[in-house]
PDB file of N, CA and C in Angstrom:
ATOM      1  N   UNK A   1     110.090 103.012  65.102  1.00  0.00           N
ATOM      2  CA  UNK A   1     111.092 102.389  64.242  1.00  0.00           C
ATOM      3  C   UNK A   1     111.865 103.474  63.504  1.00  0.00           C
ATOM      4  N   UNK A   2     113.130 103.300  63.429  1.00  0.00           N
ATOM      5  CA  UNK A   2     113.907 104.270  62.679  1.00  0.00           C
ATOM      6  C   UNK A   2     114.149 103.773  61.258  1.00  0.00           C
ATOM      7  N   UNK A   3     114.727 104.608  60.462  1.00  0.00           N
ATOM      8  CA  UNK A   3     114.945 104.296  59.045  1.00  0.00           C
ATOM      9  C   UNK A   3     115.824 103.060  58.852  1.00  0.00           C
ATOM     10  N   UNK A   4     116.806 102.864  59.721  1.00  0.00           N
ATOM     11  CA  UNK A   4     117.696 101.713  59.607  1.00  0.00           C
ATOM     12  C   UNK A   4     116.913 100.405  59.820  1.00  0.00           C
ATOM     13  N   UNK A   5     116.031 100.376  60.816  1.00  0.00           N
ATOM     14  CA  UNK A   5     115.234  99.180  61.074  1.00  0.00           C
ATOM     15  C   UNK A   5     114.283  98.882  59.920  1.00  0.00           C
ATOM     16  N   UNK A   6     113.682  99.924  59.353  1.00  0.00           N
ATOM     17  CA  UNK A   6     112.762  99.745  58.221  1.00  0.00           C
ATOM     18  C   UNK A   6     113.521  99.203  57.015  1.00  0.00           C
ATOM     19  N   UNK A   7     114.689  99.766  56.738  1.00  0.00           N
ATOM     20  CA  UNK A   7     115.496  99.301  55.606  1.00  0.00           C
ATOM     21  C   UNK A   7     115.920  97.842  55.798  1.00  0.00           C
ATOM     22  N   UNK A   8     116.288  97.483  57.028  1.00  0.00           N
ATOM     23  CA  UNK A   8     116.684  96.105  57.319  1.00  0.00           C
ATOM     24  C   UNK A   8     115.510  95.159  57.117  1.00  0.00           C
ATOM     25  N   UNK A   9     114.331  95.565  57.599  1.00  0.00           N
ATOM     26  CA  UNK A   9     113.138  94.731  57.444  1.00  0.00           C
ATOM     27  C   UNK A   9     112.796  94.548  55.965  1.00  0.00           C
ATOM     28  N   UNK A  10     112.883  95.609  55.175  1.00  0.00           N
ATOM     29  CA  UNK A  10     112.606  95.510  53.735  1.00  0.00           C
ATOM     30  C   UNK A  10     113.610  94.601  53.039  1.00  0.00           C
ATOM     31  N   UNK A  11     114.878  94.709  53.408  1.00  0.00           N
ATOM     32  CA  UNK A  11     115.908  93.868  52.810  1.00  0.00           C
ATOM     33  C   UNK A  11     115.671  92.394  53.143  1.00  0.00           C
ATOM     34  N   UNK A  12     115.326  92.104  54.388  1.00  0.00           N
ATOM     35  CA  UNK A  12     115.069  90.721  54.789  1.00  0.00           C
ATOM     36  C   UNK A  12     113.851  90.159  54.049  1.00  0.00           C
ATOM     37  N   UNK A  13     112.823  90.980  53.879  1.00  0.00           N
ATOM     38  CA  UNK A  13     111.629  90.547  53.150  1.00  0.00           C
ATOM     39  C   UNK A  13     111.973  90.248  51.695  1.00  0.00           C
ATOM     40  N   UNK A  14     112.744  91.132  51.076  1.00  0.00           N
ATOM     41  CA  UNK A  14     113.131  90.934  49.672  1.00  0.00           C
ATOM     42  C   UNK A  14     113.987  89.681  49.510  1.00  0.00           C
ATOM     43  N   UNK A  15     114.919  89.457  50.422  1.00  0.00           N
ATOM     44  CA  UNK A  15     115.767  88.267  50.340  1.00  0.00           C
ATOM     45  C   UNK A  15     114.953  86.998  50.551  1.00  0.00           C
ATOM     46  N   UNK A  16     114.008  87.037  51.476  1.00  0.00           N
ATOM     47  CA  UNK A  16     113.160  85.871  51.718  1.00  0.00           C
ATOM     48  C   UNK A  16     112.301  85.555  50.507  1.00  0.00           C
ATOM     49  N   UNK A  17     111.738  86.566  49.886  1.00  0.00           N
ATOM     50  CA  UNK A  17     110.891  86.357  48.703  1.00  0.00           C
ATOM     51  C   UNK A  17     111.707  85.789  47.550  1.00  0.00           C
ATOM     52  N   UNK A  18     112.953  86.186  47.423  1.00  0.00           N
ATOM     53  CA  UNK A  18     113.812  85.663  46.369  1.00  0.00           C
ATOM     54  C   UNK A  18     114.220  84.221  46.625  1.00  0.00           C
ATOM     55  N   UNK A  19     114.256  83.823  47.871  1.00  0.00           N
ATOM     56  CA  UNK A  19     114.669  82.459  48.211  1.00  0.00           C
ATOM     57  C   UNK A  19     113.555  81.448  47.970  1.00  0.00           C
ATOM     58  N   UNK A  20     112.294  81.869  48.004  1.00  0.00           N
ATOM     59  CA  UNK A  20     111.177  80.942  47.830  1.00  0.00           C
ATOM     60  C   UNK A  20     111.198  80.209  46.497  1.00  0.00           C
ATOM     61  N   UNK A  21     111.379  80.889  45.366  1.00  0.00           N
ATOM     62  CA  UNK A  21     111.435  80.143  44.103  1.00  0.00           C
ATOM     63  C   UNK A  21     112.609  79.174  44.054  1.00  0.00           C
ATOM     64  N   UNK A  22     113.734  79.542  44.637  1.00  0.00           N
ATOM     65  CA  UNK A  22     114.892  78.647  44.646  1.00  0.00           C
ATOM     66  C   UNK A  22     114.600  77.405  45.470  1.00  0.00           C
ATOM     67  N   UNK A  23     113.910  77.565  46.603  1.00  0.00           N
ATOM     68  CA  UNK A  23     113.565  76.408  47.423  1.00  0.00           C
ATOM     69  C   UNK A  23     112.562  75.527  46.699  1.00  0.00           C
ATOM     70  N   UNK A  24     111.600  76.127  46.010  1.00  0.00           N
ATOM     71  CA  UNK A  24     110.608  75.348  45.272  1.00  0.00           C
ATOM     72  C   UNK A  24     111.272  74.581  44.142  1.00  0.00           C
ATOM     73  N   UNK A  25     112.260  75.180  43.496  1.00  0.00           N
ATOM     74  CA  UNK A  25     112.956  74.513  42.406  1.00  0.00           C
ATOM     75  C   UNK A  25     113.720  73.300  42.936  1.00  0.00           C
ATOM     76  N   UNK A  26     114.342  73.429  44.116  1.00  0.00           N
ATOM     77  CA  UNK A  26     115.071  72.306  44.690  1.00  0.00           C
ATOM     78  C   UNK A  26     114.142  71.145  45.000  1.00  0.00           C
ATOM     79  N   UNK A  27     112.916  71.426  45.457  1.00  0.00           N
ATOM     80  CA  UNK A  27     111.983  70.354  45.789  1.00  0.00           C
ATOM     81  C   UNK A  27     111.566  69.584  44.556  1.00  0.00           C
ATOM     82  N   UNK A  28     111.465  70.274  43.407  1.00  0.00           N
ATOM     83  CA  UNK A  28     111.000  69.597  42.205  1.00  0.00           C
ATOM     84  C   UNK A  28     112.146  68.959  41.419  1.00  0.00           C
ATOM     85  N   UNK A  29     113.384  69.227  41.815  1.00  0.00           N
ATOM     86  CA  UNK A  29     114.524  68.644  41.118  1.00  0.00           C
ATOM     87  C   UNK A  29     114.510  67.129  41.294  1.00  0.00           C
ATOM     88  N   UNK A  30     114.774  66.445  40.220  1.00  0.00           N
ATOM     89  CA  UNK A  30     114.731  64.990  40.231  1.00  0.00           C
ATOM     90  C   UNK A  30     116.141  64.420  40.362  1.00  0.00           C
ATOM     91  N   UNK A  31     116.279  63.411  41.211  1.00  0.00           N
ATOM     92  CA  UNK A  31     117.532  62.667  41.301  1.00  0.00           C
ATOM     93  C   UNK A  31     117.486  61.549  40.267  1.00  0.00           C
ATOM     94  N   UNK A  32     118.649  61.062  39.878  1.00  0.00           N
ATOM     95  CA  UNK A  32     118.729  59.940  38.954  1.00  0.00           C
ATOM     96  C   UNK A  32     119.065  58.681  39.741  1.00  0.00           C
ATOM     97  N   UNK A  33     118.301  57.628  39.503  1.00  0.00           N
ATOM     98  CA  UNK A  33     118.512  56.367  40.200  1.00  0.00           C
ATOM     99  C   UNK A  33     119.813  55.715  39.751  1.00  0.00           C
ATOM    100  N   UNK A  34     120.529  55.184  40.705  1.00  0.00           N
ATOM    101  CA  UNK A  34     121.709  54.359  40.447  1.00  0.00           C
ATOM    102  C   UNK A  34     121.564  53.112  41.300  1.00  0.00           C
ATOM    103  N   UNK A  35     122.120  52.017  40.834  1.00  0.00           N
ATOM    104  CA  UNK A  35     122.033  50.767  41.563  1.00  0.00           C
ATOM    105  C   UNK A  35     122.497  50.986  42.994  1.00  0.00           C
ATOM    106  N   UNK A  36     121.681  50.563  43.947  1.00  0.00           N
ATOM    107  CA  UNK A  36     122.018  50.702  45.350  1.00  0.00           C
ATOM    108  C   UNK A  36     121.470  51.964  45.996  1.00  0.00           C
ATOM    109  N   UNK A  37     120.804  52.823  45.228  1.00  0.00           N
ATOM    110  CA  UNK A  37     120.216  54.035  45.798  1.00  0.00           C
ATOM    111  C   UNK A  37     119.187  53.659  46.857  1.00  0.00           C
ATOM    112  N   UNK A  38     119.299  54.257  48.035  1.00  0.00           N
ATOM    113  CA  UNK A  38     118.321  54.007  49.106  1.00  0.00           C
ATOM    114  C   UNK A  38     117.013  54.701  48.741  1.00  0.00           C
ATOM    115  N   UNK A  39     115.930  53.946  48.715  1.00  0.00           N
ATOM    116  CA  UNK A  39     114.620  54.496  48.381  1.00  0.00           C
ATOM    117  C   UNK A  39     113.771  54.575  49.647  1.00  0.00           C
ATOM    118  N   UNK A  40     113.312  55.765  49.968  1.00  0.00           N
ATOM    119  CA  UNK A  40     112.463  56.010  51.134  1.00  0.00           C
ATOM    120  C   UNK A  40     111.109  56.483  50.606  1.00  0.00           C
ATOM    121  N   UNK A  41     110.303  55.552  50.120  1.00  0.00           N
ATOM    122  CA  UNK A  41     109.030  55.891  49.479  1.00  0.00           C
ATOM    123  C   UNK A  41     107.886  55.518  50.418  1.00  0.00           C
ATOM    124  N   UNK A  42     107.169  56.536  50.862  1.00  0.00           N
ATOM    125  CA  UNK A  42     106.000  56.320  51.718  1.00  0.00           C
ATOM    126  C   UNK A  42     104.730  56.242  50.873  1.00  0.00           C
ATOM    127  N   UNK A  43     104.621  57.140  49.856  1.00  0.00           N
ATOM    128  CA  UNK A  43     103.424  57.172  49.020  1.00  0.00           C
ATOM    129  C   UNK A  43     103.802  57.647  47.613  1.00  0.00           C
ATOM    130  N   UNK A  44     103.409  56.887  46.605  1.00  0.00           N
ATOM    131  CA  UNK A  44     103.669  57.264  45.210  1.00  0.00           C
ATOM    132  C   UNK A  44     102.602  58.256  44.769  1.00  0.00           C
ATOM    133  N   UNK A  45     103.051  59.382  44.210  1.00  0.00           N
ATOM    134  CA  UNK A  45     102.127  60.400  43.718  1.00  0.00           C
ATOM    135  C   UNK A  45     101.879  60.255  42.224  1.00  0.00           C
ATOM    136  N   UNK A  46     102.932  59.937  41.458  1.00  0.00           N
ATOM    137  CA  UNK A  46     102.758  59.753  40.017  1.00  0.00           C
ATOM    138  C   UNK A  46     103.913  58.956  39.429  1.00  0.00           C
ATOM    139  N   UNK A  47     103.613  58.283  38.321  1.00  0.00           N
ATOM    140  CA  UNK A  47     104.601  57.564  37.517  1.00  0.00           C
ATOM    141  C   UNK A  47     104.427  58.043  36.084  1.00  0.00           C
ATOM    142  N   UNK A  48     105.503  58.512  35.473  1.00  0.00           N
ATOM    143  CA  UNK A  48     105.442  58.975  34.086  1.00  0.00           C
ATOM    144  C   UNK A  48     106.627  58.411  33.322  1.00  0.00           C
ATOM    145  N   UNK A  49     106.512  58.401  32.002  1.00  0.00           N
ATOM    146  CA  UNK A  49     107.637  57.995  31.160  1.00  0.00           C
ATOM    147  C   UNK A  49     107.610  58.799  29.875  1.00  0.00           C
ATOM    148  N   UNK A  50     108.784  58.907  29.232  1.00  0.00           N
ATOM    149  CA  UNK A  50     108.866  59.582  27.939  1.00  0.00           C
ATOM    150  C   UNK A  50     108.007  58.829  26.943  1.00  0.00           C
ATOM    151  N   UNK A  51     107.334  59.573  26.095  1.00  0.00           N
ATOM    152  CA  UNK A  51     106.498  58.913  25.094  1.00  0.00           C
ATOM    153  C   UNK A  51     107.326  58.596  23.857  1.00  0.00           C
ATOM    154  N   UNK A  52     106.946  57.550  23.193  1.00  0.00           N
ATOM    155  CA  UNK A  52     107.636  57.132  21.980  1.00  0.00           C
ATOM    156  C   UNK A  52     106.887  55.999  21.326  1.00  0.00           C
ATOM    157  N   UNK A  53     107.158  55.774  20.085  1.00  0.00           N
ATOM    158  CA  UNK A  53     106.456  54.746  19.332  1.00  0.00           C
ATOM    159  C   UNK A  53     107.200  53.424  19.293  1.00  0.00           C
ATOM    160  N   UNK A  54     108.447  53.428  19.750  1.00  0.00           N
ATOM    161  CA  UNK A  54     109.232  52.204  19.650  1.00  0.00           C
ATOM    162  C   UNK A  54     109.355  51.523  21.008  1.00  0.00           C
ATOM    163  N   UNK A  55     109.579  50.224  20.937  1.00  0.00           N
ATOM    164  CA  UNK A  55     109.804  49.438  22.139  1.00  0.00           C
ATOM    165  C   UNK A  55     111.282  49.552  22.495  1.00  0.00           C
ATOM    166  N   UNK A  56     111.574  49.765  23.760  1.00  0.00           N
ATOM    167  CA  UNK A  56     112.960  49.867  24.205  1.00  0.00           C
ATOM    168  C   UNK A  56     113.030  50.594  25.527  1.00  0.00           C
ATOM    169  N   UNK A  57     114.221  51.022  25.902  1.00  0.00           N
ATOM    170  CA  UNK A  57     114.398  51.737  27.152  1.00  0.00           C
ATOM    171  C   UNK A  57     113.980  53.190  27.008  1.00  0.00           C
ATOM    172  N   UNK A  58     113.273  53.683  28.025  1.00  0.00           N
ATOM    173  CA  UNK A  58     112.840  55.080  28.057  1.00  0.00           C
ATOM    174  C   UNK A  58     113.134  55.641  29.441  1.00  0.00           C
ATOM    175  N   UNK A  59     113.243  56.958  29.518  1.00  0.00           N
ATOM    176  CA  UNK A  59     113.368  57.619  30.811  1.00  0.00           C
ATOM    177  C   UNK A  59     112.003  57.650  31.464  1.00  0.00           C
ATOM    178  N   UNK A  60     111.951  57.335  32.743  1.00  0.00           N
ATOM    179  CA  UNK A  60     110.717  57.376  33.506  1.00  0.00           C
ATOM    180  C   UNK A  60     110.984  58.159  34.785  1.00  0.00           C
ATOM    181  N   UNK A  61     109.911  58.652  35.400  1.00  0.00           N
ATOM    182  CA  UNK A  61     110.055  59.405  36.633  1.00  0.00           C
ATOM    183  C   UNK A  61     108.958  58.997  37.616  1.00  0.00           C
ATOM    184  N   UNK A  62     109.357  58.822  38.866  1.00  0.00           N
ATOM    185  CA  UNK A  62     108.418  58.582  39.951  1.00  0.00           C
ATOM    186  C   UNK A  62     108.460  59.807  40.859  1.00  0.00           C
ATOM    187  N   UNK A  63     107.285  60.315  41.178  1.00  0.00           N
ATOM    188  CA  UNK A  63     107.158  61.405  42.140  1.00  0.00           C
ATOM    189  C   UNK A  63     106.485  60.809  43.365  1.00  0.00           C
ATOM    190  N   UNK A  64     107.057  61.050  44.537  1.00  0.00           N
ATOM    191  CA  UNK A  64     106.579  60.375  45.742  1.00  0.00           C
ATOM    192  C   UNK A  64     106.802  61.229  46.987  1.00  0.00           C
ATOM    193  N   UNK A  65     106.176  60.797  48.077  1.00  0.00           N
ATOM    194  CA  UNK A  65     106.421  61.386  49.386  1.00  0.00           C
ATOM    195  C   UNK A  65     107.307  60.424  50.158  1.00  0.00           C
ATOM    196  N   UNK A  66     108.328  60.971  50.833  1.00  0.00           N
ATOM    197  CA  UNK A  66     109.180  60.116  51.653  1.00  0.00           C
ATOM    198  C   UNK A  66     108.564  59.970  53.049  1.00  0.00           C
ATOM    199  N   UNK A  67     109.224  59.264  53.941  1.00  0.00           N
ATOM    200  CA  UNK A  67     108.674  59.000  55.266  1.00  0.00           C
ATOM    201  C   UNK A  67     108.542  60.261  56.118  1.00  0.00           C
ATOM    202  N   UNK A  68     109.184  61.349  55.713  1.00  0.00           N
ATOM    203  CA  UNK A  68     109.065  62.624  56.428  1.00  0.00           C
ATOM    204  C   UNK A  68     108.005  63.530  55.796  1.00  0.00           C
ATOM    205  N   UNK A  69     107.352  63.034  54.736  1.00  0.00           N
ATOM    206  CA  UNK A  69     106.311  63.822  54.067  1.00  0.00           C
ATOM    207  C   UNK A  69     106.836  64.783  53.021  1.00  0.00           C
ATOM    208  N   UNK A  70     108.127  64.709  52.708  1.00  0.00           N
ATOM    209  CA  UNK A  70     108.734  65.580  51.696  1.00  0.00           C
ATOM    210  C   UNK A  70     108.483  65.001  50.312  1.00  0.00           C
ATOM    211  N   UNK A  71     108.131  65.862  49.359  1.00  0.00           N
ATOM    212  CA  UNK A  71     107.929  65.395  47.988  1.00  0.00           C
ATOM    213  C   UNK A  71     109.279  65.245  47.310  1.00  0.00           C
ATOM    214  N   UNK A  72     109.481  64.119  46.651  1.00  0.00           N
ATOM    215  CA  UNK A  72     110.730  63.800  45.955  1.00  0.00           C
ATOM    216  C   UNK A  72     110.406  63.301  44.558  1.00  0.00           C
ATOM    217  N   UNK A  73     111.395  63.317  43.690  1.00  0.00           N
ATOM    218  CA  UNK A  73     111.257  62.779  42.339  1.00  0.00           C
ATOM    219  C   UNK A  73     112.525  62.015  42.003  1.00  0.00           C
ATOM    220  N   UNK A  74     112.351  60.920  41.278  1.00  0.00           N
ATOM    221  CA  UNK A  74     113.475  60.065  40.912  1.00  0.00           C
ATOM    222  C   UNK A  74     113.316  59.669  39.449  1.00  0.00           C
ATOM    223  N   UNK A  75     114.365  59.853  38.670  1.00  0.00           N
ATOM    224  CA  UNK A  75     114.363  59.490  37.257  1.00  0.00           C
ATOM    225  C   UNK A  75     115.121  58.174  37.106  1.00  0.00           C
ATOM    226  N   UNK A  76     114.605  57.306  36.244  1.00  0.00           N
ATOM    227  CA  UNK A  76     115.229  55.997  36.042  1.00  0.00           C
ATOM    228  C   UNK A  76     114.925  55.508  34.634  1.00  0.00           C
ATOM    229  N   UNK A  77     115.627  54.457  34.199  1.00  0.00           N
ATOM    230  CA  UNK A  77     115.377  53.839  32.895  1.00  0.00           C
ATOM    231  C   UNK A  77     114.465  52.634  33.079  1.00  0.00           C
ATOM    232  N   UNK A  78     113.551  52.446  32.133  1.00  0.00           N
ATOM    233  CA  UNK A  78     112.677  51.283  32.161  1.00  0.00           C
ATOM    234  C   UNK A  78     112.293  50.909  30.743  1.00  0.00           C
ATOM    235  N   UNK A  79     111.756  49.709  30.579  1.00  0.00           N
ATOM    236  CA  UNK A  79     111.271  49.277  29.277  1.00  0.00           C
ATOM    237  C   UNK A  79     109.962  50.021  29.005  1.00  0.00           C
ATOM    238  N   UNK A  80     109.803  50.526  27.796  1.00  0.00           N
ATOM    239  CA  UNK A  80     108.615  51.290  27.433  1.00  0.00           C
ATOM    240  C   UNK A  80     107.339  50.492  27.652  1.00  0.00           C
ATOM    241  N   UNK A  81     106.296  51.154  28.057  1.00  0.00           N
ATOM    242  CA  UNK A  81     105.009  50.487  28.336  1.00  0.00           C
ATOM    243  C   UNK A  81     104.453  49.829  27.085  1.00  0.00           C
ATOM    244  N   UNK A  82     104.700  50.417  25.902  1.00  0.00           N
ATOM    245  CA  UNK A  82     104.148  49.814  24.676  1.00  0.00           C
ATOM    246  C   UNK A  82     104.843  48.503  24.311  1.00  0.00           C
ATOM    247  N   UNK A  83     105.963  48.160  24.974  1.00  0.00           N
ATOM    248  CA  UNK A  83     106.615  46.869  24.743  1.00  0.00           C
ATOM    249  C   UNK A  83     105.760  45.731  25.286  1.00  0.00           C
ATOM    250  N   UNK A  84     104.951  46.030  26.288  1.00  0.00           N
ATOM    251  CA  UNK A  84     104.102  45.015  26.896  1.00  0.00           C
ATOM    252  C   UNK A  84     103.014  44.526  25.934  1.00  0.00           C
ATOM    253  N   UNK A  85     102.713  45.307  24.901  1.00  0.00           N
ATOM    254  CA  UNK A  85     101.665  44.954  23.951  1.00  0.00           C
ATOM    255  C   UNK A  85     102.171  44.058  22.817  1.00  0.00           C
ATOM    256  N   UNK A  86     103.495  43.944  22.713  1.00  0.00           N
ATOM    257  CA  UNK A  86     104.061  43.135  21.624  1.00  0.00           C
ATOM    258  C   UNK A  86     104.165  41.685  22.046  1.00  0.00           C
ATOM    259  N   UNK A  87     103.945  40.797  21.142  1.00  0.00           N
ATOM    260  CA  UNK A  87     104.053  39.362  21.442  1.00  0.00           C
ATOM    261  C   UNK A  87     105.487  38.916  21.561  1.00  0.00           C
ATOM    262  N   UNK A  88     105.708  37.812  22.288  1.00  0.00           N
ATOM    263  CA  UNK A  88     107.050  37.275  22.320  1.00  0.00           C
ATOM    264  C   UNK A  88     107.611  37.098  23.609  1.00  0.00           C
TER     265      UNK A  88
END
């Protein structure tokens, strides 16, 4: 191997290593639900919501696997879980 090939290999390795965190960040990025959004949910991994003491709308997030096995996240609005404890 000559110096040019070694330098090229090192550059490609460095660029690949820099791309990994960017790809991981894209996988964890959450989309926001809008009416009519196509949902391709094969398996739910987690359901979370913002915590709060009042009853009302809160941001919630579902993390799931789609039919291709890719992990996805979706943010949406929902009624707070503590509203279910109130009478009426």
